[in-house]
Each structure stands twice: as C-alpha cells, then as structure tokens.
Amino acid sequence: MEKAALSSLGNAREVFADTSYFYAVLNPSDTNHMRALQIASYVRVRKLRMVTTWDAVVETVTLLRYRAGFELASMFLNEVTPDLLIVYPVESERHAAIRIFLQRGRDMRLSMCDAISYTVVSGRLNWAPCLAFDADFAALGLTTVR
C-alpha cells in the first residue's frame, strides 16, 4: 500500500467505508479492485473498526445488483454487513445533509448518500478516514484512503 494511504489512516481506530470501496472490493472487474483488496487486508490486519451508514448499505446493494448481479449483492448483505458498524443518521444529520446537498450539489456531482456520509463522518465520527474511490469525498474535505 502506498505511504500516502497509510499516512491518511494515521492512528485511526475506525474507518468509514463508502459504496465505491465496497463495490471495488467485491467486483473483480472494477478498476480499483486490487487496490481495494490491499486496503481491506490492511484494515483487517490492524483490526480497525469499519463504519458505514445504512444509506451506503442500501446504495451498495443497489449498485451491486444492477451492475454486478444478485450474487454479489447477496454476498455483501450476508458476509460483509454483519461485520460493519452501521450508523443510522438522526434527524439533525439528515437535515444537515440536505443543506449540504442543496449548497454544494449544483457545482459538484454529489449524491444525497454522500451528503449523509459527510455529516456522519464530520460530526459523529470525528473526521474518521474514509475508504472511498470517488472524488466526492475528497472534494468535501474528507480524508480519503484510495
């Protein structure tokens, strides 16, 4: 793994996992698949807690189902999600995500799921490093491991 990726994890005890990371790990045809496997190994060896939102789980299952098939979507639900800490955004986080989406969504390709992830990571998770392969997270000012 590149030193830049290692340094962005610092002394983190937990990481936030985005849809783009989950998709890359599970889909061998994804261009980031090998890199995602390296990151997954690093996270596993260091016993970092992997956190995501319910919204990212839903988005991941949908993306896997539509682009990679039912089997990978089912594998994600049965084999990956049991080991995750899944955060359910509270009302104030949902309202903050709507504000972020409305303020920044016109100028950047931002999904509502990304806006929710941002509010959770920047607030509840105290800016935890994010496992993400899309540029939206970095554009929002989040630390990304790619």
N, C-alpha and C. Protein backbone atom coordinates (compact mmCIF):
# COMPACT_ATOMS: atom_id res chain seq x y z
N MET A 1 0.85 -1.18 0.00
CA MET A 1 0.00 0.00 0.00
C MET A 1 0.89 1.24 0.00
N GLU A 2 0.47 2.25 -0.70
CA GLU A 2 1.25 3.47 -0.80
C GLU A 2 1.36 4.16 0.55
N LYS A 3 2.49 4.85 0.77
CA LYS A 3 2.68 5.55 2.03
C LYS A 3 1.62 6.62 2.25
N ALA A 4 1.17 7.28 1.18
CA ALA A 4 0.13 8.31 1.33
C ALA A 4 -1.13 7.73 1.93
N ALA A 5 -1.51 6.54 1.51
CA ALA A 5 -2.70 5.91 2.05
C ALA A 5 -2.48 5.55 3.52
N LEU A 6 -1.31 5.04 3.83
CA LEU A 6 -1.00 4.70 5.22
C LEU A 6 -1.03 5.94 6.10
N SER A 7 -0.44 7.01 5.64
CA SER A 7 -0.38 8.21 6.46
C SER A 7 -1.77 8.82 6.68
N SER A 8 -2.67 8.64 5.73
CA SER A 8 -4.01 9.20 5.91
C SER A 8 -4.80 8.42 6.95
N LEU A 9 -4.37 7.20 7.25
CA LEU A 9 -5.02 6.45 8.32
C LEU A 9 -4.48 6.85 9.69
N GLY A 10 -3.25 7.33 9.73
CA GLY A 10 -2.66 7.77 10.99
C GLY A 10 -2.82 6.72 12.07
N ASN A 11 -3.31 7.13 13.22
CA ASN A 11 -3.56 6.21 14.34
C ASN A 11 -5.04 5.88 14.46
N ALA A 12 -5.76 5.94 13.36
CA ALA A 12 -7.20 5.70 13.38
C ALA A 12 -7.52 4.33 13.96
N ARG A 13 -8.60 4.28 14.69
CA ARG A 13 -9.11 3.03 15.22
C ARG A 13 -10.34 2.58 14.45
N GLU A 14 -10.89 3.52 13.68
CA GLU A 14 -12.03 3.19 12.85
C GLU A 14 -11.93 3.93 11.52
N VAL A 15 -12.57 3.36 10.52
CA VAL A 15 -12.61 3.96 9.19
C VAL A 15 -14.05 3.94 8.71
N PHE A 16 -14.36 4.91 7.86
CA PHE A 16 -15.68 4.94 7.24
C PHE A 16 -15.57 4.33 5.85
N ALA A 17 -16.46 3.42 5.51
CA ALA A 17 -16.43 2.77 4.20
C ALA A 17 -17.59 3.26 3.34
N ASP A 18 -17.24 3.70 2.14
CA ASP A 18 -18.20 4.23 1.17
C ASP A 18 -18.60 3.14 0.18
N THR A 19 -19.68 3.38 -0.52
CA THR A 19 -20.17 2.48 -1.57
C THR A 19 -19.08 2.15 -2.59
N SER A 20 -18.33 3.15 -3.00
CA SER A 20 -17.30 2.92 -4.03
C SER A 20 -16.24 1.93 -3.55
N TYR A 21 -15.94 1.93 -2.27
CA TYR A 21 -14.99 0.99 -1.69
C TYR A 21 -15.58 -0.43 -1.69
N PHE A 22 -16.80 -0.56 -1.16
CA PHE A 22 -17.44 -1.88 -1.12
C PHE A 22 -17.56 -2.48 -2.52
N TYR A 23 -17.96 -1.66 -3.47
CA TYR A 23 -18.13 -2.14 -4.84
C TYR A 23 -16.80 -2.61 -5.41
N ALA A 24 -15.76 -1.85 -5.17
CA ALA A 24 -14.43 -2.22 -5.68
C ALA A 24 -13.92 -3.50 -5.04
N VAL A 25 -14.15 -3.68 -3.76
CA VAL A 25 -13.71 -4.90 -3.08
C VAL A 25 -14.40 -6.13 -3.66
N LEU A 26 -15.69 -6.02 -3.89
CA LEU A 26 -16.48 -7.18 -4.28
C LEU A 26 -16.52 -7.48 -5.78
N ASN A 27 -16.25 -6.50 -6.60
CA ASN A 27 -16.38 -6.70 -8.03
C ASN A 27 -14.99 -6.78 -8.69
N PRO A 28 -14.57 -7.98 -9.07
CA PRO A 28 -13.24 -8.15 -9.67
C PRO A 28 -13.04 -7.35 -10.95
N SER A 29 -14.10 -6.95 -11.62
CA SER A 29 -13.94 -6.19 -12.86
C SER A 29 -13.81 -4.68 -12.61
N ASP A 30 -13.95 -4.25 -11.36
CA ASP A 30 -13.78 -2.83 -11.05
C ASP A 30 -12.30 -2.45 -11.17
N THR A 31 -12.03 -1.27 -11.72
CA THR A 31 -10.64 -0.84 -11.92
C THR A 31 -9.88 -0.69 -10.60
N ASN A 32 -10.57 -0.49 -9.50
CA ASN A 32 -9.92 -0.32 -8.19
C ASN A 32 -9.92 -1.60 -7.35
N HIS A 33 -10.27 -2.72 -7.96
CA HIS A 33 -10.43 -3.96 -7.19
C HIS A 33 -9.16 -4.36 -6.42
N MET A 34 -8.03 -4.40 -7.08
CA MET A 34 -6.79 -4.83 -6.41
C MET A 34 -6.41 -3.87 -5.29
N ARG A 35 -6.55 -2.61 -5.54
CA ARG A 35 -6.25 -1.61 -4.51
C ARG A 35 -7.19 -1.77 -3.32
N ALA A 36 -8.47 -2.00 -3.59
CA ALA A 36 -9.44 -2.19 -2.52
C ALA A 36 -9.12 -3.43 -1.69
N LEU A 37 -8.66 -4.49 -2.34
CA LEU A 37 -8.26 -5.69 -1.59
C LEU A 37 -7.06 -5.41 -0.69
N GLN A 38 -6.10 -4.61 -1.17
CA GLN A 38 -4.95 -4.24 -0.33
C GLN A 38 -5.42 -3.45 0.89
N ILE A 39 -6.32 -2.51 0.67
CA ILE A 39 -6.83 -1.71 1.78
C ILE A 39 -7.59 -2.60 2.76
N ALA A 40 -8.41 -3.50 2.24
CA ALA A 40 -9.18 -4.41 3.10
C ALA A 40 -8.26 -5.25 3.97
N SER A 41 -7.17 -5.72 3.39
CA SER A 41 -6.20 -6.51 4.15
C SER A 41 -5.57 -5.67 5.25
N TYR A 42 -5.20 -4.45 4.92
CA TYR A 42 -4.60 -3.53 5.89
C TYR A 42 -5.57 -3.28 7.05
N VAL A 43 -6.82 -3.02 6.74
CA VAL A 43 -7.84 -2.76 7.76
C VAL A 43 -8.03 -3.99 8.64
N ARG A 44 -8.09 -5.16 8.02
CA ARG A 44 -8.30 -6.42 8.76
C ARG A 44 -7.12 -6.71 9.69
N VAL A 45 -5.90 -6.60 9.19
CA VAL A 45 -4.71 -6.90 9.99
C VAL A 45 -4.61 -5.97 11.19
N ARG A 46 -4.95 -4.71 11.00
CA ARG A 46 -4.87 -3.73 12.10
C ARG A 46 -6.13 -3.67 12.95
N LYS A 47 -7.10 -4.52 12.62
CA LYS A 47 -8.34 -4.64 13.39
C LYS A 47 -9.04 -3.30 13.56
N LEU A 48 -9.08 -2.54 12.47
CA LEU A 48 -9.78 -1.26 12.51
C LEU A 48 -11.28 -1.52 12.40
N ARG A 49 -12.05 -0.76 13.15
CA ARG A 49 -13.50 -0.89 13.08
C ARG A 49 -13.98 -0.20 11.81
N MET A 50 -14.78 -0.93 11.02
CA MET A 50 -15.30 -0.38 9.77
C MET A 50 -16.74 0.09 10.01
N VAL A 51 -16.95 1.37 9.72
CA VAL A 51 -18.24 2.01 9.94
C VAL A 51 -18.80 2.45 8.59
N THR A 52 -20.10 2.38 8.44
CA THR A 52 -20.78 2.91 7.27
C THR A 52 -22.17 3.35 7.69
N THR A 53 -22.91 3.94 6.77
CA THR A 53 -24.28 4.32 7.07
C THR A 53 -25.24 3.33 6.43
N TRP A 54 -26.46 3.30 6.96
CA TRP A 54 -27.49 2.47 6.34
C TRP A 54 -27.69 2.90 4.89
N ASP A 55 -27.58 4.19 4.64
CA ASP A 55 -27.75 4.71 3.28
C ASP A 55 -26.71 4.13 2.33
N ALA A 56 -25.47 4.02 2.80
CA ALA A 56 -24.40 3.44 1.96
C ALA A 56 -24.64 1.94 1.74
N VAL A 57 -25.19 1.26 2.74
CA VAL A 57 -25.53 -0.16 2.56
C VAL A 57 -26.56 -0.30 1.46
N VAL A 58 -27.62 0.50 1.52
CA VAL A 58 -28.67 0.45 0.50
C VAL A 58 -28.11 0.77 -0.88
N GLU A 59 -27.29 1.82 -0.95
CA GLU A 59 -26.70 2.21 -2.23
C GLU A 59 -25.79 1.11 -2.78
N THR A 60 -25.02 0.46 -1.91
CA THR A 60 -24.11 -0.60 -2.33
C THR A 60 -24.87 -1.80 -2.86
N VAL A 61 -25.90 -2.22 -2.15
CA VAL A 61 -26.70 -3.37 -2.60
C VAL A 61 -27.31 -3.07 -3.97
N THR A 62 -27.83 -1.87 -4.12
CA THR A 62 -28.45 -1.49 -5.38
C THR A 62 -27.44 -1.48 -6.52
N LEU A 63 -26.28 -0.87 -6.29
CA LEU A 63 -25.24 -0.81 -7.31
C LEU A 63 -24.74 -2.21 -7.69
N LEU A 64 -24.48 -3.03 -6.69
CA LEU A 64 -24.04 -4.39 -6.96
C LEU A 64 -25.09 -5.17 -7.74
N ARG A 65 -26.33 -5.05 -7.33
CA ARG A 65 -27.41 -5.78 -8.01
C ARG A 65 -27.53 -5.38 -9.47
N TYR A 66 -27.52 -4.08 -9.73
CA TYR A 66 -27.71 -3.59 -11.09
C TYR A 66 -26.49 -3.80 -11.98
N ARG A 67 -25.29 -3.65 -11.43
CA ARG A 67 -24.09 -3.70 -12.27
C ARG A 67 -23.32 -5.02 -12.20
N ALA A 68 -23.45 -5.75 -11.11
CA ALA A 68 -22.64 -6.96 -10.96
C ALA A 68 -23.46 -8.22 -10.72
N GLY A 69 -24.73 -8.08 -10.44
CA GLY A 69 -25.60 -9.24 -10.28
C GLY A 69 -26.05 -9.49 -8.85
N PHE A 70 -27.07 -10.31 -8.75
CA PHE A 70 -27.69 -10.62 -7.47
C PHE A 70 -26.72 -11.30 -6.51
N GLU A 71 -25.88 -12.20 -7.03
CA GLU A 71 -24.98 -12.97 -6.16
C GLU A 71 -24.04 -12.07 -5.36
N LEU A 72 -23.45 -11.07 -6.00
CA LEU A 72 -22.55 -10.17 -5.26
C LEU A 72 -23.33 -9.30 -4.28
N ALA A 73 -24.53 -8.87 -4.65
CA ALA A 73 -25.36 -8.10 -3.72
C ALA A 73 -25.71 -8.95 -2.50
N SER A 74 -26.05 -10.19 -2.74
CA SER A 74 -26.38 -11.12 -1.66
C SER A 74 -25.15 -11.38 -0.77
N MET A 75 -23.99 -11.56 -1.39
CA MET A 75 -22.75 -11.77 -0.64
C MET A 75 -22.46 -10.58 0.27
N PHE A 76 -22.64 -9.38 -0.24
CA PHE A 76 -22.43 -8.19 0.57
C PHE A 76 -23.33 -8.21 1.80
N LEU A 77 -24.61 -8.48 1.59
CA LEU A 77 -25.55 -8.50 2.72
C LEU A 77 -25.25 -9.60 3.72
N ASN A 78 -24.90 -10.78 3.23
CA ASN A 78 -24.72 -11.93 4.11
C ASN A 78 -23.34 -12.03 4.75
N GLU A 79 -22.31 -11.55 4.04
CA GLU A 79 -20.94 -11.77 4.52
C GLU A 79 -20.21 -10.52 4.97
N VAL A 80 -20.59 -9.37 4.45
CA VAL A 80 -19.88 -8.13 4.79
C VAL A 80 -20.61 -7.34 5.87
N THR A 81 -21.89 -7.11 5.67
CA THR A 81 -22.60 -6.23 6.61
C THR A 81 -22.63 -6.72 8.06
N PRO A 82 -22.60 -8.04 8.33
CA PRO A 82 -22.58 -8.44 9.75
C PRO A 82 -21.36 -7.93 10.52
N ASP A 83 -20.26 -7.65 9.82
CA ASP A 83 -19.04 -7.18 10.48
C ASP A 83 -18.92 -5.66 10.53
N LEU A 84 -19.90 -4.96 10.02
CA LEU A 84 -19.87 -3.49 9.98
C LEU A 84 -20.59 -2.89 11.17
N LEU A 85 -20.15 -1.71 11.56
CA LEU A 85 -20.94 -0.88 12.46
C LEU A 85 -21.75 0.03 11.55
N ILE A 86 -23.05 -0.19 11.51
CA ILE A 86 -23.92 0.57 10.62
C ILE A 86 -24.57 1.70 11.41
N VAL A 87 -24.34 2.92 10.92
CA VAL A 87 -24.88 4.13 11.56
C VAL A 87 -26.19 4.51 10.86
N TYR A 88 -27.17 4.81 11.68
CA TYR A 88 -28.46 5.29 11.17
C TYR A 88 -28.53 6.78 11.48
N PRO A 89 -28.45 7.62 10.46
CA PRO A 89 -28.43 9.07 10.69
C PRO A 89 -29.68 9.54 11.45
N VAL A 90 -29.46 10.42 12.39
CA VAL A 90 -30.56 11.00 13.15
C VAL A 90 -31.11 12.20 12.39
N GLU A 91 -32.21 12.74 12.87
CA GLU A 91 -32.89 13.81 12.15
C GLU A 91 -31.99 15.01 11.89
N SER A 92 -31.21 15.42 12.87
CA SER A 92 -30.34 16.59 12.67
C SER A 92 -29.28 16.33 11.60
N GLU A 93 -28.78 15.09 11.52
CA GLU A 93 -27.80 14.75 10.48
C GLU A 93 -28.47 14.74 9.10
N ARG A 94 -29.70 14.27 9.04
CA ARG A 94 -30.41 14.27 7.76
C ARG A 94 -30.66 15.70 7.28
N HIS A 95 -31.05 16.59 8.21
CA HIS A 95 -31.26 17.99 7.83
C HIS A 95 -29.96 18.66 7.39
N ALA A 96 -28.87 18.36 8.09
CA ALA A 96 -27.57 18.90 7.69
C ALA A 96 -27.18 18.39 6.31
N ALA A 97 -27.45 17.12 6.03
CA ALA A 97 -27.13 16.56 4.72
C ALA A 97 -27.93 17.23 3.61
N ILE A 98 -29.17 17.54 3.88
CA ILE A 98 -29.99 18.25 2.89
C ILE A 98 -29.39 19.62 2.61
N ARG A 99 -28.97 20.33 3.66
CA ARG A 99 -28.35 21.65 3.46
C ARG A 99 -27.08 21.52 2.62
N ILE A 100 -26.25 20.55 2.93
CA ILE A 100 -25.01 20.35 2.17
C ILE A 100 -25.32 20.03 0.71
N PHE A 101 -26.28 19.15 0.50
CA PHE A 101 -26.65 18.80 -0.87
C PHE A 101 -27.14 20.02 -1.64
N LEU A 102 -28.00 20.81 -1.03
CA LEU A 102 -28.53 21.99 -1.70
C LEU A 102 -27.46 23.06 -1.94
N GLN A 103 -26.51 23.19 -1.02
CA GLN A 103 -25.44 24.18 -1.17
C GLN A 103 -24.39 23.75 -2.18
N ARG A 104 -24.03 22.49 -2.20
CA ARG A 104 -22.88 22.04 -2.99
C ARG A 104 -23.24 21.14 -4.16
N GLY A 105 -24.46 20.62 -4.18
CA GLY A 105 -24.86 19.64 -5.18
C GLY A 105 -24.94 20.17 -6.59
N ARG A 106 -25.16 21.46 -6.76
CA ARG A 106 -25.24 22.02 -8.10
C ARG A 106 -23.86 22.07 -8.76
N ASP A 107 -22.83 22.39 -7.98
CA ASP A 107 -21.48 22.57 -8.52
C ASP A 107 -20.64 21.30 -8.55
N MET A 108 -21.03 20.33 -7.78
CA MET A 108 -20.27 19.07 -7.79
C MET A 108 -21.24 17.91 -7.90
N ARG A 109 -20.76 16.82 -8.44
CA ARG A 109 -21.61 15.64 -8.60
C ARG A 109 -21.70 14.93 -7.25
N LEU A 110 -22.66 15.37 -6.46
CA LEU A 110 -22.81 14.93 -5.08
C LEU A 110 -24.13 14.18 -4.95
N SER A 111 -24.08 12.98 -4.40
CA SER A 111 -25.33 12.25 -4.14
C SER A 111 -25.81 12.58 -2.73
N MET A 112 -27.06 12.33 -2.49
CA MET A 112 -27.60 12.53 -1.15
C MET A 112 -26.91 11.58 -0.17
N CYS A 113 -26.58 10.39 -0.63
CA CYS A 113 -25.86 9.44 0.21
C CYS A 113 -24.50 10.01 0.63
N ASP A 114 -23.80 10.66 -0.31
CA ASP A 114 -22.51 11.28 0.02
C ASP A 114 -22.69 12.40 1.04
N ALA A 115 -23.76 13.18 0.90
CA ALA A 115 -24.02 14.26 1.85
C ALA A 115 -24.29 13.71 3.23
N ILE A 116 -25.03 12.62 3.32
CA ILE A 116 -25.29 11.99 4.62
C ILE A 116 -23.99 11.44 5.19
N SER A 117 -23.19 10.79 4.35
CA SER A 117 -21.90 10.27 4.82
C SER A 117 -21.04 11.40 5.38
N TYR A 118 -21.01 12.51 4.68
CA TYR A 118 -20.23 13.66 5.13
C TYR A 118 -20.68 14.13 6.52
N THR A 119 -21.98 14.24 6.73
CA THR A 119 -22.45 14.73 8.04
C THR A 119 -22.10 13.75 9.15
N VAL A 120 -22.17 12.46 8.86
CA VAL A 120 -21.85 11.45 9.87
C VAL A 120 -20.35 11.44 10.15
N VAL A 121 -19.53 11.45 9.09
CA VAL A 121 -18.08 11.39 9.26
C VAL A 121 -17.55 12.65 9.94
N SER A 122 -18.02 13.82 9.52
CA SER A 122 -17.50 15.07 10.09
C SER A 122 -18.03 15.34 11.48
N GLY A 123 -19.16 14.77 11.82
CA GLY A 123 -19.74 15.01 13.14
C GLY A 123 -19.54 13.84 14.08
N ARG A 124 -20.33 12.85 13.92
CA ARG A 124 -20.35 11.71 14.84
C ARG A 124 -19.05 10.93 14.86
N LEU A 125 -18.38 10.82 13.72
CA LEU A 125 -17.15 10.02 13.64
C LEU A 125 -15.87 10.84 13.75
N ASN A 126 -16.01 12.13 14.05
CA ASN A 126 -14.86 12.99 14.30
C ASN A 126 -13.84 12.94 13.16
N TRP A 127 -14.32 13.05 11.92
CA TRP A 127 -13.47 13.12 10.73
C TRP A 127 -12.66 11.84 10.50
N ALA A 128 -13.24 10.70 10.75
CA ALA A 128 -12.54 9.42 10.52
C ALA A 128 -12.10 9.33 9.05
N PRO A 129 -10.98 8.66 8.78
CA PRO A 129 -10.56 8.46 7.39
C PRO A 129 -11.62 7.65 6.63
N CYS A 130 -11.77 7.94 5.35
CA CYS A 130 -12.80 7.30 4.53
C CYS A 130 -12.18 6.42 3.46
N LEU A 131 -12.70 5.22 3.34
CA LEU A 131 -12.32 4.32 2.27
C LEU A 131 -13.27 4.62 1.12
N ALA A 132 -12.78 5.31 0.12
CA ALA A 132 -13.64 5.76 -0.97
C ALA A 132 -12.81 5.96 -2.23
N PHE A 133 -13.38 5.58 -3.36
CA PHE A 133 -12.69 5.74 -4.64
C PHE A 133 -13.29 6.84 -5.50
N ASP A 134 -14.37 7.45 -5.05
CA ASP A 134 -14.90 8.55 -5.84
C ASP A 134 -14.36 9.87 -5.31
N ALA A 135 -14.30 10.84 -6.16
CA ALA A 135 -13.67 12.12 -5.83
C ALA A 135 -14.53 12.99 -4.91
N ASP A 136 -15.80 12.66 -4.76
CA ASP A 136 -16.70 13.49 -3.96
C ASP A 136 -16.24 13.65 -2.51
N PHE A 137 -15.73 12.59 -1.93
CA PHE A 137 -15.33 12.65 -0.53
C PHE A 137 -14.18 13.63 -0.33
N ALA A 138 -13.17 13.54 -1.18
CA ALA A 138 -12.04 14.46 -1.08
C ALA A 138 -12.50 15.89 -1.37
N ALA A 139 -13.38 16.07 -2.34
CA ALA A 139 -13.89 17.41 -2.67
C ALA A 139 -14.66 18.03 -1.51
N LEU A 140 -15.23 17.20 -0.67
CA LEU A 140 -15.94 17.68 0.52
C LEU A 140 -15.00 17.97 1.69
N GLY A 141 -13.73 17.66 1.51
CA GLY A 141 -12.75 17.91 2.57
C GLY A 141 -12.53 16.75 3.50
N LEU A 142 -13.02 15.57 3.14
CA LEU A 142 -12.81 14.38 3.97
C LEU A 142 -11.48 13.72 3.61
N THR A 143 -10.87 13.08 4.57
CA THR A 143 -9.64 12.34 4.33
C THR A 143 -10.00 11.02 3.68
N THR A 144 -9.43 10.75 2.53
CA THR A 144 -9.74 9.51 1.82
C THR A 144 -8.53 8.60 1.70
N VAL A 145 -8.81 7.32 1.76
CA VAL A 145 -7.79 6.30 1.53
C VAL A 145 -8.21 5.61 0.26
N ARG A 146 -7.35 5.69 -0.77
CA ARG A 146 -7.71 5.11 -2.06
C ARG A 146 -6.62 4.20 -2.57
